[in-house]
């Protein structure tokens, strides 16, 4: 596998062209949550095991709200549309998406912002964040590392395909005024070539994320 352009945080999982089912401890690691909180998350998303383990296609459909069977074709489609050094460094999109998710704080730091500053700007609706969020609970926002790095380095959205057979939505509510309290399906991008689902369609990706906030508040050293 070519790794020349893929950020190291995306390459954390052991690489294989056949992601094997994982147990609950490994699933907790992928979701970046405590093992003790996993039963509630599994229950609210309706994730069921097979022979005592969690198959990746089920994890992607129920928690990520993406269709794992379409990932290979989607990667090829994106490569035809975009000149992307990061995507060129990926042999298997499914493998890349097994990376442990980022917390809000980790995502903010990668984007060069202090978590509290970014959270306040989002809450006050001074900026928009087009990166899809996986809402595991009222205060549990998670992000796929590949999407964070693609946005930061190439101003590009991954536009992952949504499930072929939609899974029942799980309603999760965050704190009042929290712009990221919706479940992840609310932010899941439609297939490539369509407008991503969001409240507004930004005219400039970088402006949508930082805008004036970037010029005035974004730290220079991360």
N, C-alpha and C. Protein backbone atom coordinates (compact mmCIF):
# COMPACT_ATOMS: atom_id res chain seq x y z
N UNK A 1 0.83 -1.19 0.00
CA UNK A 1 0.00 0.00 0.00
C UNK A 1 0.87 1.25 0.00
N UNK A 2 0.54 2.23 -0.80
CA UNK A 2 1.30 3.46 -0.87
C UNK A 2 0.86 4.37 0.26
N UNK A 3 1.83 4.86 1.06
CA UNK A 3 1.49 5.65 2.22
C UNK A 3 2.08 7.06 2.15
N UNK A 4 2.56 7.47 0.99
CA UNK A 4 3.34 8.69 0.91
C UNK A 4 2.56 9.92 1.30
N UNK A 5 1.23 9.94 1.08
CA UNK A 5 0.47 11.16 1.30
C UNK A 5 -0.56 11.05 2.40
N UNK A 6 -0.79 9.85 2.91
CA UNK A 6 -1.85 9.66 3.90
C UNK A 6 -1.33 10.03 5.27
N UNK A 7 -1.98 10.98 5.98
CA UNK A 7 -1.53 11.37 7.31
C UNK A 7 -1.44 10.17 8.23
N UNK A 8 -0.50 10.20 9.15
CA UNK A 8 -0.25 9.04 10.00
C UNK A 8 -1.45 8.67 10.86
N UNK A 9 -2.24 9.65 11.30
CA UNK A 9 -3.39 9.34 12.13
C UNK A 9 -4.41 8.49 11.41
N UNK A 10 -4.44 8.56 10.08
CA UNK A 10 -5.39 7.75 9.31
C UNK A 10 -4.89 6.33 9.18
N UNK A 11 -3.59 6.13 9.40
CA UNK A 11 -3.00 4.83 9.16
C UNK A 11 -2.86 4.00 10.44
N UNK A 12 -3.58 4.39 11.51
CA UNK A 12 -3.40 3.71 12.78
C UNK A 12 -3.85 2.25 12.78
N UNK A 13 -4.93 1.85 12.05
CA UNK A 13 -5.32 0.44 12.12
C UNK A 13 -4.33 -0.45 11.39
N UNK A 14 -4.30 -1.73 11.79
CA UNK A 14 -3.50 -2.70 11.06
C UNK A 14 -4.12 -2.90 9.69
N UNK A 15 -3.31 -2.79 8.65
CA UNK A 15 -3.85 -2.82 7.29
C UNK A 15 -4.14 -4.24 6.84
N UNK A 16 -5.27 -4.40 6.20
CA UNK A 16 -5.70 -5.67 5.65
C UNK A 16 -6.74 -5.36 4.60
N UNK A 17 -6.82 -6.20 3.58
CA UNK A 17 -7.82 -5.96 2.55
C UNK A 17 -9.14 -6.63 2.90
N UNK A 18 -9.23 -7.21 4.09
CA UNK A 18 -10.48 -7.82 4.53
C UNK A 18 -10.67 -7.50 6.01
N UNK A 19 -11.30 -6.38 6.33
CA UNK A 19 -11.48 -6.03 7.74
C UNK A 19 -12.26 -7.11 8.48
N UNK A 20 -11.64 -7.70 9.47
CA UNK A 20 -12.29 -8.76 10.22
C UNK A 20 -13.24 -8.19 11.27
N UNK A 21 -14.27 -8.93 11.64
CA UNK A 21 -15.16 -8.47 12.70
C UNK A 21 -14.37 -8.21 13.97
N UNK A 22 -14.85 -7.28 14.78
CA UNK A 22 -14.13 -6.90 15.99
C UNK A 22 -15.01 -7.10 17.22
N UNK A 23 -14.36 -7.30 18.36
CA UNK A 23 -15.11 -7.47 19.60
C UNK A 23 -15.48 -6.11 20.19
N UNK A 24 -16.15 -6.12 21.33
CA UNK A 24 -16.63 -4.87 21.91
C UNK A 24 -15.48 -3.98 22.40
N UNK A 25 -14.42 -4.59 22.90
CA UNK A 25 -13.28 -3.79 23.35
C UNK A 25 -12.65 -3.07 22.16
N UNK A 26 -12.51 -3.77 21.04
CA UNK A 26 -11.96 -3.14 19.85
C UNK A 26 -12.90 -2.10 19.27
N UNK A 27 -14.21 -2.35 19.36
CA UNK A 27 -15.18 -1.38 18.89
C UNK A 27 -15.12 -0.10 19.74
N UNK A 28 -14.95 -0.26 21.04
CA UNK A 28 -14.81 0.91 21.91
C UNK A 28 -13.58 1.72 21.51
N UNK A 29 -12.51 1.03 21.13
CA UNK A 29 -11.31 1.73 20.67
C UNK A 29 -11.56 2.48 19.37
N UNK A 30 -12.30 1.85 18.46
CA UNK A 30 -12.62 2.51 17.19
C UNK A 30 -13.47 3.76 17.42
N UNK A 31 -14.41 3.68 18.33
CA UNK A 31 -15.31 4.80 18.59
C UNK A 31 -14.72 5.83 19.55
N UNK A 32 -13.56 5.51 20.12
CA UNK A 32 -12.89 6.40 21.08
C UNK A 32 -13.79 6.69 22.28
N UNK A 33 -14.35 5.60 22.85
CA UNK A 33 -15.19 5.73 24.04
C UNK A 33 -14.74 4.72 25.08
N UNK A 34 -15.18 4.90 26.31
CA UNK A 34 -14.90 3.94 27.36
C UNK A 34 -15.68 2.65 27.09
N UNK A 35 -15.06 1.54 27.44
CA UNK A 35 -15.72 0.24 27.22
C UNK A 35 -17.05 0.18 27.96
N UNK A 36 -17.14 0.82 29.12
CA UNK A 36 -18.36 0.78 29.92
C UNK A 36 -19.54 1.49 29.26
N UNK A 37 -19.27 2.43 28.36
CA UNK A 37 -20.35 3.17 27.71
C UNK A 37 -20.83 2.50 26.43
N UNK A 38 -20.16 1.43 26.03
CA UNK A 38 -20.49 0.80 24.75
C UNK A 38 -21.87 0.15 24.71
N UNK A 39 -22.32 -0.57 25.75
CA UNK A 39 -23.65 -1.19 25.67
C UNK A 39 -24.75 -0.20 25.32
N UNK A 40 -24.72 1.00 25.90
CA UNK A 40 -25.74 1.99 25.60
C UNK A 40 -25.66 2.44 24.15
N UNK A 41 -24.44 2.65 23.65
CA UNK A 41 -24.27 3.09 22.26
C UNK A 41 -24.73 2.01 21.30
N UNK A 42 -24.34 0.77 21.56
CA UNK A 42 -24.74 -0.34 20.71
C UNK A 42 -26.25 -0.49 20.69
N UNK A 43 -26.87 -0.33 21.86
CA UNK A 43 -28.31 -0.47 21.94
C UNK A 43 -29.06 0.63 21.20
N UNK A 44 -28.62 1.87 21.33
CA UNK A 44 -29.36 2.96 20.71
C UNK A 44 -29.21 2.97 19.19
N UNK A 45 -28.11 2.40 18.68
CA UNK A 45 -27.94 2.34 17.23
C UNK A 45 -28.44 1.02 16.64
N UNK A 46 -28.77 0.06 17.49
CA UNK A 46 -29.28 -1.21 16.99
C UNK A 46 -28.23 -2.09 16.35
N UNK A 47 -26.98 -1.96 16.78
CA UNK A 47 -25.91 -2.81 16.24
C UNK A 47 -26.01 -4.20 16.84
N UNK A 48 -26.10 -5.22 15.99
CA UNK A 48 -26.17 -6.60 16.45
C UNK A 48 -24.90 -7.34 16.06
N UNK A 49 -24.53 -8.30 16.89
CA UNK A 49 -23.31 -9.06 16.66
C UNK A 49 -23.57 -10.29 15.81
N UNK A 50 -22.49 -10.85 15.28
CA UNK A 50 -22.53 -12.13 14.57
C UNK A 50 -21.46 -13.01 15.18
N UNK A 51 -21.89 -14.09 15.81
CA UNK A 51 -20.96 -15.00 16.49
C UNK A 51 -20.11 -14.27 17.52
N UNK A 52 -20.74 -13.35 18.25
CA UNK A 52 -20.06 -12.67 19.32
C UNK A 52 -19.13 -11.55 18.90
N UNK A 53 -19.16 -11.16 17.63
CA UNK A 53 -18.29 -10.09 17.15
C UNK A 53 -19.10 -9.11 16.30
N UNK A 54 -18.50 -7.96 16.02
CA UNK A 54 -19.18 -6.90 15.29
C UNK A 54 -18.62 -6.78 13.87
N UNK A 55 -19.36 -7.21 12.85
CA UNK A 55 -18.90 -7.10 11.47
C UNK A 55 -18.84 -5.63 11.04
N UNK A 56 -17.82 -5.27 10.28
CA UNK A 56 -17.67 -3.88 9.83
C UNK A 56 -18.85 -3.40 8.99
N UNK A 57 -19.41 -4.22 8.09
CA UNK A 57 -20.57 -3.71 7.34
C UNK A 57 -21.71 -3.25 8.24
N UNK A 58 -21.92 -3.93 9.36
CA UNK A 58 -22.97 -3.52 10.29
C UNK A 58 -22.57 -2.25 11.04
N UNK A 59 -21.30 -2.15 11.42
CA UNK A 59 -20.82 -0.94 12.10
C UNK A 59 -21.00 0.27 11.19
N UNK A 60 -20.63 0.12 9.92
CA UNK A 60 -20.74 1.23 8.99
C UNK A 60 -22.20 1.63 8.76
N UNK A 61 -23.07 0.64 8.63
CA UNK A 61 -24.47 0.96 8.35
C UNK A 61 -25.18 1.58 9.54
N UNK A 62 -24.98 1.03 10.73
CA UNK A 62 -25.74 1.48 11.88
C UNK A 62 -25.15 2.71 12.56
N UNK A 63 -23.84 2.75 12.71
CA UNK A 63 -23.21 3.85 13.45
C UNK A 63 -22.69 4.93 12.51
N UNK A 64 -21.97 4.53 11.46
CA UNK A 64 -21.42 5.52 10.52
C UNK A 64 -22.47 6.00 9.52
N UNK A 65 -23.53 5.22 9.31
CA UNK A 65 -24.56 5.53 8.32
C UNK A 65 -23.97 5.61 6.91
N UNK A 66 -23.08 4.67 6.60
CA UNK A 66 -22.53 4.59 5.25
C UNK A 66 -22.65 3.17 4.75
N UNK A 67 -22.56 3.00 3.43
CA UNK A 67 -22.72 1.68 2.81
C UNK A 67 -21.35 1.11 2.45
N UNK A 68 -20.91 0.13 3.24
CA UNK A 68 -19.58 -0.45 3.04
C UNK A 68 -19.40 -1.14 1.71
N UNK A 69 -20.48 -1.71 1.15
CA UNK A 69 -20.36 -2.45 -0.10
C UNK A 69 -20.08 -1.54 -1.30
N UNK A 70 -20.27 -0.24 -1.12
CA UNK A 70 -20.07 0.70 -2.22
C UNK A 70 -18.75 1.47 -2.13
N UNK A 71 -17.95 1.19 -1.11
CA UNK A 71 -16.76 2.00 -0.86
C UNK A 71 -15.70 1.88 -1.96
N UNK A 72 -15.49 0.66 -2.46
CA UNK A 72 -14.46 0.49 -3.49
C UNK A 72 -14.79 1.27 -4.75
N UNK A 73 -16.04 1.17 -5.19
CA UNK A 73 -16.45 1.91 -6.37
C UNK A 73 -16.46 3.40 -6.13
N UNK A 74 -16.77 3.80 -4.90
CA UNK A 74 -16.80 5.22 -4.58
C UNK A 74 -15.40 5.82 -4.63
N UNK A 75 -14.41 5.10 -4.14
CA UNK A 75 -13.04 5.58 -4.20
C UNK A 75 -12.59 5.77 -5.64
N UNK A 76 -12.91 4.81 -6.50
CA UNK A 76 -12.55 4.93 -7.91
C UNK A 76 -13.23 6.14 -8.54
N UNK A 77 -14.49 6.36 -8.16
CA UNK A 77 -15.23 7.50 -8.69
C UNK A 77 -14.60 8.82 -8.26
N UNK A 78 -14.23 8.92 -6.99
CA UNK A 78 -13.60 10.14 -6.49
C UNK A 78 -12.28 10.41 -7.19
N UNK A 79 -11.52 9.37 -7.45
CA UNK A 79 -10.23 9.55 -8.12
C UNK A 79 -10.40 10.06 -9.54
N UNK A 80 -11.50 9.66 -10.18
CA UNK A 80 -11.75 10.18 -11.53
C UNK A 80 -12.13 11.66 -11.50
N UNK A 81 -12.74 12.09 -10.40
CA UNK A 81 -13.21 13.47 -10.31
C UNK A 81 -12.17 14.44 -9.77
N UNK A 82 -11.29 13.94 -8.91
CA UNK A 82 -10.39 14.83 -8.18
C UNK A 82 -8.93 14.36 -8.28
N UNK A 83 -8.03 15.32 -8.35
CA UNK A 83 -6.61 15.03 -8.21
C UNK A 83 -6.28 15.17 -6.73
N UNK A 84 -6.25 14.06 -6.02
CA UNK A 84 -6.10 14.07 -4.57
C UNK A 84 -4.91 13.22 -4.15
N UNK A 85 -3.83 13.84 -3.66
CA UNK A 85 -2.69 13.06 -3.17
C UNK A 85 -3.07 12.11 -2.04
N UNK A 86 -4.00 12.53 -1.18
CA UNK A 86 -4.39 11.67 -0.07
C UNK A 86 -5.13 10.43 -0.59
N UNK A 87 -6.10 10.63 -1.48
CA UNK A 87 -6.84 9.48 -2.02
C UNK A 87 -5.96 8.59 -2.86
N UNK A 88 -4.98 9.17 -3.54
CA UNK A 88 -4.05 8.36 -4.33
C UNK A 88 -3.22 7.44 -3.45
N UNK A 89 -3.08 7.80 -2.17
CA UNK A 89 -2.31 6.98 -1.25
C UNK A 89 -3.11 5.89 -0.58
N UNK A 90 -4.38 5.72 -0.96
CA UNK A 90 -5.25 4.70 -0.35
C UNK A 90 -5.52 3.59 -1.35
N UNK A 91 -5.24 2.37 -0.96
CA UNK A 91 -5.57 1.23 -1.80
C UNK A 91 -6.98 0.71 -1.53
N UNK A 92 -7.42 0.84 -0.30
CA UNK A 92 -8.71 0.29 0.11
C UNK A 92 -9.38 1.28 1.05
N UNK A 93 -10.46 1.91 0.60
CA UNK A 93 -11.16 2.90 1.41
C UNK A 93 -11.75 2.28 2.67
N UNK A 94 -12.21 1.05 2.56
CA UNK A 94 -12.80 0.38 3.73
C UNK A 94 -11.78 0.25 4.85
N UNK A 95 -10.54 -0.08 4.49
CA UNK A 95 -9.50 -0.22 5.50
C UNK A 95 -9.21 1.13 6.15
N UNK A 96 -9.14 2.16 5.34
CA UNK A 96 -8.85 3.50 5.88
C UNK A 96 -9.91 3.94 6.88
N UNK A 97 -11.15 3.49 6.67
CA UNK A 97 -12.25 3.92 7.54
C UNK A 97 -12.35 3.10 8.82
N UNK A 98 -11.46 2.12 9.00
CA UNK A 98 -11.43 1.40 10.28
C UNK A 98 -10.59 2.13 11.30
N UNK A 99 -9.99 3.26 10.93
CA UNK A 99 -9.16 4.02 11.86
C UNK A 99 -9.98 4.49 13.06
N UNK A 100 -9.38 4.54 14.25
CA UNK A 100 -10.10 5.09 15.41
C UNK A 100 -10.59 6.49 15.13
N UNK A 101 -11.81 6.77 15.56
CA UNK A 101 -12.41 8.07 15.32
C UNK A 101 -11.75 9.15 16.17
N UNK A 102 -11.89 10.38 15.72
CA UNK A 102 -11.36 11.52 16.45
C UNK A 102 -12.45 12.12 17.35
N UNK A 103 -12.04 12.58 18.50
CA UNK A 103 -12.94 13.36 19.35
C UNK A 103 -13.02 14.78 18.79
N UNK A 104 -13.93 15.57 19.33
CA UNK A 104 -14.04 16.97 18.89
C UNK A 104 -12.73 17.71 19.16
N UNK A 105 -12.14 17.48 20.31
CA UNK A 105 -10.88 18.17 20.65
C UNK A 105 -9.77 17.80 19.67
N UNK A 106 -9.66 16.52 19.34
CA UNK A 106 -8.63 16.09 18.39
C UNK A 106 -8.87 16.71 17.02
N UNK A 107 -10.12 16.72 16.58
CA UNK A 107 -10.45 17.29 15.28
C UNK A 107 -10.10 18.78 15.25
N UNK A 108 -10.45 19.51 16.30
CA UNK A 108 -10.17 20.94 16.36
C UNK A 108 -8.67 21.20 16.29
N UNK A 109 -7.90 20.42 17.01
CA UNK A 109 -6.45 20.61 17.03
C UNK A 109 -5.84 20.34 15.66
N UNK A 110 -6.35 19.31 14.97
CA UNK A 110 -5.85 19.02 13.62
C UNK A 110 -6.15 20.18 12.68
N UNK A 111 -7.29 20.84 12.87
CA UNK A 111 -7.66 21.97 12.04
C UNK A 111 -6.97 23.27 12.46
N UNK A 112 -6.17 23.19 13.51
CA UNK A 112 -5.42 24.37 13.93
C UNK A 112 -6.18 25.31 14.81
N UNK A 113 -7.15 24.81 15.57
CA UNK A 113 -7.96 25.65 16.42
C UNK A 113 -8.01 25.06 17.83
N UNK A 114 -8.17 25.92 18.82
CA UNK A 114 -8.39 25.44 20.17
C UNK A 114 -9.82 24.91 20.28
N UNK A 115 -10.01 23.76 20.90
CA UNK A 115 -11.36 23.16 20.99
C UNK A 115 -12.41 24.11 21.55
N UNK A 116 -12.10 24.82 22.62
CA UNK A 116 -13.09 25.72 23.22
C UNK A 116 -13.44 26.86 22.27
N UNK A 117 -12.43 27.36 21.56
CA UNK A 117 -12.67 28.46 20.64
C UNK A 117 -13.54 28.02 19.48
N UNK A 118 -13.24 26.84 18.93
CA UNK A 118 -14.03 26.32 17.81
C UNK A 118 -15.45 26.00 18.25
N UNK A 119 -15.59 25.39 19.43
CA UNK A 119 -16.91 25.05 19.92
C UNK A 119 -17.77 26.29 20.12
N UNK A 120 -17.17 27.34 20.66
CA UNK A 120 -17.92 28.58 20.88
C UNK A 120 -18.33 29.22 19.56
N UNK A 121 -17.43 29.20 18.58
CA UNK A 121 -17.74 29.78 17.27
C UNK A 121 -18.87 29.03 16.59
N UNK A 122 -18.90 27.71 16.74
CA UNK A 122 -19.98 26.90 16.17
C UNK A 122 -21.30 27.17 16.90
N UNK A 123 -21.21 27.25 18.20
CA UNK A 123 -22.43 27.48 19.00
C UNK A 123 -23.05 28.84 18.68
N UNK A 124 -22.20 29.83 18.42
CA UNK A 124 -22.67 31.17 18.08
C UNK A 124 -22.97 31.33 16.60
N UNK A 125 -22.78 30.24 15.84
CA UNK A 125 -23.06 30.19 14.41
C UNK A 125 -22.25 31.22 13.62
N UNK A 126 -21.01 31.46 14.08
CA UNK A 126 -20.12 32.35 13.36
C UNK A 126 -19.38 31.63 12.25
N UNK A 127 -19.33 30.30 12.33
CA UNK A 127 -18.70 29.49 11.29
C UNK A 127 -19.54 28.23 11.08
N UNK A 128 -19.26 27.52 10.00
CA UNK A 128 -19.90 26.25 9.69
C UNK A 128 -18.83 25.17 9.62
N UNK A 129 -19.22 23.96 9.97
CA UNK A 129 -18.29 22.83 9.92
C UNK A 129 -18.86 21.77 8.99
N UNK A 130 -18.36 21.67 7.75
CA UNK A 130 -18.93 20.73 6.79
C UNK A 130 -18.49 19.29 6.97
N UNK A 131 -17.54 19.05 7.87
CA UNK A 131 -17.07 17.67 8.09
C UNK A 131 -18.17 16.89 8.79
N UNK A 132 -18.58 15.72 8.26
CA UNK A 132 -19.65 14.94 8.89
C UNK A 132 -19.31 14.56 10.33
N UNK A 133 -20.30 14.61 11.17
CA UNK A 133 -20.12 14.25 12.58
C UNK A 133 -20.87 12.95 12.85
N UNK A 134 -20.27 12.09 13.65
CA UNK A 134 -20.93 10.88 14.13
C UNK A 134 -21.30 11.16 15.58
N UNK A 135 -22.58 11.32 15.84
CA UNK A 135 -23.06 11.70 17.17
C UNK A 135 -23.41 10.43 17.94
N UNK A 136 -22.54 10.05 18.86
CA UNK A 136 -22.75 8.83 19.63
C UNK A 136 -23.61 9.06 20.86
N UNK A 137 -23.76 10.29 21.25
CA UNK A 137 -24.55 10.65 22.42
C UNK A 137 -24.58 12.16 22.55
N UNK A 138 -25.26 12.68 23.58
CA UNK A 138 -25.40 14.13 23.74
C UNK A 138 -24.07 14.88 23.75
N UNK A 139 -23.03 14.29 24.31
CA UNK A 139 -21.74 14.96 24.39
C UNK A 139 -20.64 14.15 23.73
N UNK A 140 -21.00 13.26 22.84
CA UNK A 140 -20.02 12.38 22.20
C UNK A 140 -20.02 12.59 20.70
N UNK A 141 -19.27 13.57 20.24
CA UNK A 141 -19.13 13.84 18.81
C UNK A 141 -17.85 13.20 18.31
N UNK A 142 -17.94 12.46 17.22
CA UNK A 142 -16.78 11.79 16.68
C UNK A 142 -16.65 12.10 15.18
N UNK A 143 -15.42 12.01 14.68
CA UNK A 143 -15.13 12.37 13.29
C UNK A 143 -14.19 11.34 12.67
N UNK A 144 -14.40 11.04 11.40
CA UNK A 144 -13.51 10.11 10.70
C UNK A 144 -12.22 10.87 10.33
N UNK A 145 -11.05 10.36 10.75
CA UNK A 145 -9.78 11.06 10.48
C UNK A 145 -9.55 11.37 9.01
N UNK A 146 -9.89 10.45 8.14
CA UNK A 146 -9.67 10.68 6.72
C UNK A 146 -10.42 11.91 6.24
N UNK A 147 -11.64 12.09 6.70
CA UNK A 147 -12.43 13.25 6.28
C UNK A 147 -11.85 14.56 6.84
N UNK A 148 -11.33 14.50 8.05
CA UNK A 148 -10.74 15.69 8.66
C UNK A 148 -9.50 16.12 7.87
N UNK A 149 -8.63 15.17 7.54
CA UNK A 149 -7.41 15.50 6.81
C UNK A 149 -7.70 15.92 5.37
N UNK A 150 -8.68 15.28 4.76
CA UNK A 150 -9.05 15.68 3.40
C UNK A 150 -9.53 17.13 3.37
N UNK A 151 -10.31 17.50 4.38
CA UNK A 151 -10.82 18.87 4.42
C UNK A 151 -9.69 19.85 4.72
N UNK A 152 -8.86 19.51 5.68
CA UNK A 152 -7.79 20.43 6.06
C UNK A 152 -6.77 20.64 4.94
N UNK A 153 -6.38 19.54 4.29
CA UNK A 153 -5.28 19.63 3.32
C UNK A 153 -5.74 19.90 1.89
N UNK A 154 -6.98 19.49 1.55
CA UNK A 154 -7.41 19.59 0.16
C UNK A 154 -8.78 20.25 -0.01
N UNK A 155 -9.35 20.75 1.09
CA UNK A 155 -10.69 21.37 1.02
C UNK A 155 -11.68 20.47 0.30
N UNK A 156 -11.65 19.19 0.62
CA UNK A 156 -12.45 18.20 -0.10
C UNK A 156 -13.31 17.41 0.87
N UNK A 157 -14.56 17.15 0.48
CA UNK A 157 -15.46 16.30 1.25
C UNK A 157 -15.48 14.91 0.63
N UNK A 158 -15.50 13.89 1.48
CA UNK A 158 -15.41 12.52 1.00
C UNK A 158 -16.71 12.02 0.38
N UNK A 159 -17.84 12.60 0.75
CA UNK A 159 -19.12 12.23 0.15
C UNK A 159 -19.38 10.72 0.21
N UNK A 160 -19.28 10.12 1.36
CA UNK A 160 -19.45 8.68 1.49
C UNK A 160 -20.88 8.26 1.17
N UNK A 161 -21.05 7.11 0.50
CA UNK A 161 -22.40 6.65 0.14
C UNK A 161 -23.20 6.24 1.36
N UNK A 162 -24.47 6.59 1.36
CA UNK A 162 -25.35 6.24 2.47
C UNK A 162 -25.88 4.82 2.28
N UNK A 163 -26.40 4.20 3.36
CA UNK A 163 -26.84 2.81 3.27
C UNK A 163 -27.88 2.57 2.18
N UNK A 164 -27.76 1.43 1.53
CA UNK A 164 -28.72 1.05 0.49
C UNK A 164 -30.09 0.83 1.12
N UNK A 165 -30.11 0.12 2.26
CA UNK A 165 -31.35 -0.07 3.02
C UNK A 165 -31.24 0.78 4.25
N UNK A 166 -31.88 1.95 4.26
CA UNK A 166 -31.73 2.88 5.38
C UNK A 166 -32.04 2.23 6.71
N UNK A 167 -31.15 2.45 7.67
CA UNK A 167 -31.37 1.94 9.02
C UNK A 167 -32.24 2.94 9.76
N UNK A 168 -33.14 2.47 10.63
CA UNK A 168 -33.99 3.40 11.38
C UNK A 168 -33.16 4.45 12.11
N UNK A 169 -33.61 5.68 12.02
CA UNK A 169 -32.89 6.77 12.65
C UNK A 169 -32.97 6.67 14.17
N UNK A 170 -31.87 7.00 14.83
CA UNK A 170 -31.86 7.09 16.28
C UNK A 170 -31.79 8.56 16.64
N UNK A 171 -32.78 9.05 17.38
CA UNK A 171 -32.81 10.46 17.73
C UNK A 171 -31.93 10.72 18.93
N UNK A 172 -30.92 11.56 18.75
CA UNK A 172 -30.02 11.92 19.82
C UNK A 172 -30.05 13.42 19.98
N UNK A 173 -30.19 13.89 21.18
CA UNK A 173 -30.25 15.31 21.42
C UNK A 173 -29.06 15.74 22.26
N UNK A 174 -28.46 16.86 21.90
CA UNK A 174 -27.35 17.42 22.65
C UNK A 174 -27.83 18.56 23.50
N UNK A 175 -26.89 19.36 23.91
CA UNK A 175 -27.24 20.50 24.73
C UNK A 175 -27.94 21.55 23.89
N UNK A 176 -28.82 22.38 24.49
CA UNK A 176 -29.54 23.40 23.73
C UNK A 176 -28.57 24.33 23.01
N UNK A 177 -28.88 24.58 21.75
CA UNK A 177 -28.04 25.48 20.97
C UNK A 177 -26.82 24.83 20.38
N UNK A 178 -26.61 23.54 20.63
CA UNK A 178 -25.44 22.85 20.09
C UNK A 178 -25.70 22.53 18.63
N UNK A 179 -24.95 23.12 17.67
CA UNK A 179 -25.22 22.91 16.25
C UNK A 179 -24.84 21.52 15.78
N UNK A 180 -24.19 20.71 16.66
CA UNK A 180 -23.76 19.39 16.23
C UNK A 180 -24.50 18.29 16.97
N UNK A 181 -25.72 18.58 17.45
CA UNK A 181 -26.42 17.58 18.24
C UNK A 181 -27.15 16.55 17.40
N UNK A 182 -27.26 16.75 16.08
CA UNK A 182 -28.01 15.83 15.24
C UNK A 182 -27.26 14.51 15.10
N UNK A 183 -27.98 13.40 14.84
CA UNK A 183 -27.32 12.13 14.55
C UNK A 183 -26.56 12.23 13.24
N UNK A 184 -25.60 11.30 13.07
CA UNK A 184 -24.68 11.41 11.95
C UNK A 184 -25.37 11.38 10.60
N UNK A 185 -26.52 10.68 10.50
CA UNK A 185 -27.18 10.59 9.20
C UNK A 185 -27.61 11.96 8.69
N UNK A 186 -27.83 12.89 9.61
CA UNK A 186 -28.22 14.23 9.19
C UNK A 186 -27.13 14.87 8.35
N UNK A 187 -25.88 14.51 8.66
CA UNK A 187 -24.75 15.13 7.99
C UNK A 187 -24.15 14.23 6.91
N UNK A 188 -24.68 13.00 6.77
CA UNK A 188 -24.09 12.09 5.79
C UNK A 188 -24.23 12.67 4.39
N UNK A 189 -23.12 12.65 3.67
CA UNK A 189 -23.14 13.22 2.33
C UNK A 189 -23.89 12.30 1.38
N UNK A 190 -24.59 12.89 0.44
CA UNK A 190 -25.25 12.12 -0.59
C UNK A 190 -24.20 11.63 -1.58
N UNK A 191 -24.53 10.69 -2.47
CA UNK A 191 -23.56 10.21 -3.44
C UNK A 191 -22.93 11.35 -4.21
N UNK A 192 -21.68 11.14 -4.64
CA UNK A 192 -20.94 12.18 -5.33
C UNK A 192 -21.73 12.74 -6.50
N UNK A 193 -21.58 14.05 -6.70
CA UNK A 193 -22.29 14.70 -7.78
C UNK A 193 -23.54 15.40 -7.32
N UNK A 194 -23.90 15.21 -6.03
CA UNK A 194 -25.06 15.88 -5.48
C UNK A 194 -24.60 16.84 -4.40
N UNK A 195 -25.51 17.70 -3.95
CA UNK A 195 -25.18 18.66 -2.92
C UNK A 195 -25.19 17.99 -1.56
N UNK A 196 -24.10 18.12 -0.76
CA UNK A 196 -24.08 17.52 0.58
C UNK A 196 -25.23 18.06 1.42
N UNK A 197 -25.77 17.21 2.29
CA UNK A 197 -26.87 17.62 3.15
C UNK A 197 -26.36 18.52 4.25
N UNK A 198 -26.84 19.74 4.30
CA UNK A 198 -26.49 20.66 5.36
C UNK A 198 -27.52 21.77 5.36
N UNK A 199 -27.48 22.60 6.40
CA UNK A 199 -28.44 23.69 6.49
C UNK A 199 -28.21 24.70 5.39
N UNK A 200 -26.94 24.93 5.04
CA UNK A 200 -26.59 25.86 3.97
C UNK A 200 -25.50 25.26 3.13
N UNK A 201 -25.41 25.69 1.89
CA UNK A 201 -24.36 25.22 1.00
C UNK A 201 -23.30 26.30 0.90
N UNK A 202 -22.11 26.12 1.52
CA UNK A 202 -21.10 27.16 1.51
C UNK A 202 -20.56 27.40 0.12
N UNK A 203 -20.26 28.67 -0.16
CA UNK A 203 -19.71 29.02 -1.46
C UNK A 203 -18.22 28.77 -1.51
N UNK A 204 -17.56 28.81 -0.38
CA UNK A 204 -16.13 28.55 -0.30
C UNK A 204 -15.87 27.62 0.87
N UNK A 205 -15.30 26.42 0.63
CA UNK A 205 -15.11 25.48 1.72
C UNK A 205 -14.33 26.07 2.89
N UNK A 206 -13.19 26.73 2.62
CA UNK A 206 -12.39 27.23 3.71
C UNK A 206 -13.11 28.36 4.45
N UNK A 207 -13.84 29.19 3.72
CA UNK A 207 -14.60 30.26 4.35
C UNK A 207 -15.71 29.68 5.20
N UNK A 208 -16.32 28.60 4.72
CA UNK A 208 -17.41 27.99 5.48
C UNK A 208 -16.91 27.52 6.83
N UNK A 209 -15.68 27.03 6.89
CA UNK A 209 -15.17 26.49 8.13
C UNK A 209 -14.64 27.57 9.05
N UNK A 210 -13.88 28.51 8.52
CA UNK A 210 -13.25 29.49 9.38
C UNK A 210 -13.72 30.92 9.12
N UNK A 211 -13.78 31.34 7.86
CA UNK A 211 -14.23 32.70 7.53
C UNK A 211 -13.43 33.75 8.27
N UNK A 212 -14.12 34.79 8.75
CA UNK A 212 -13.45 35.85 9.50
C UNK A 212 -12.83 35.30 10.77
N UNK A 213 -13.45 34.27 11.34
CA UNK A 213 -12.94 33.64 12.53
C UNK A 213 -11.52 33.16 12.33
N UNK A 214 -11.20 32.66 11.12
CA UNK A 214 -9.86 32.15 10.84
C UNK A 214 -8.85 33.27 10.89
N UNK A 215 -9.19 34.40 10.31
CA UNK A 215 -8.24 35.50 10.25
C UNK A 215 -7.99 36.12 11.62
N UNK A 216 -9.03 36.10 12.47
CA UNK A 216 -8.90 36.77 13.76
C UNK A 216 -8.50 35.88 14.90
N UNK A 217 -8.89 34.58 14.82
CA UNK A 217 -8.76 33.73 15.99
C UNK A 217 -7.96 32.47 15.79
N UNK A 218 -7.70 32.06 14.56
CA UNK A 218 -7.05 30.77 14.35
C UNK A 218 -5.61 30.82 14.79
N UNK A 219 -5.19 29.95 15.73
CA UNK A 219 -3.80 29.95 16.19
C UNK A 219 -2.86 29.53 15.08
N UNK A 220 -1.69 30.10 15.07
CA UNK A 220 -0.74 29.80 14.01
C UNK A 220 -0.03 28.49 14.24
N UNK A 221 0.08 28.04 15.47
CA UNK A 221 0.83 26.82 15.74
C UNK A 221 0.01 25.62 16.07
N UNK A 222 -1.35 25.68 15.96
CA UNK A 222 -2.22 24.54 16.24
C UNK A 222 -2.45 24.37 17.72
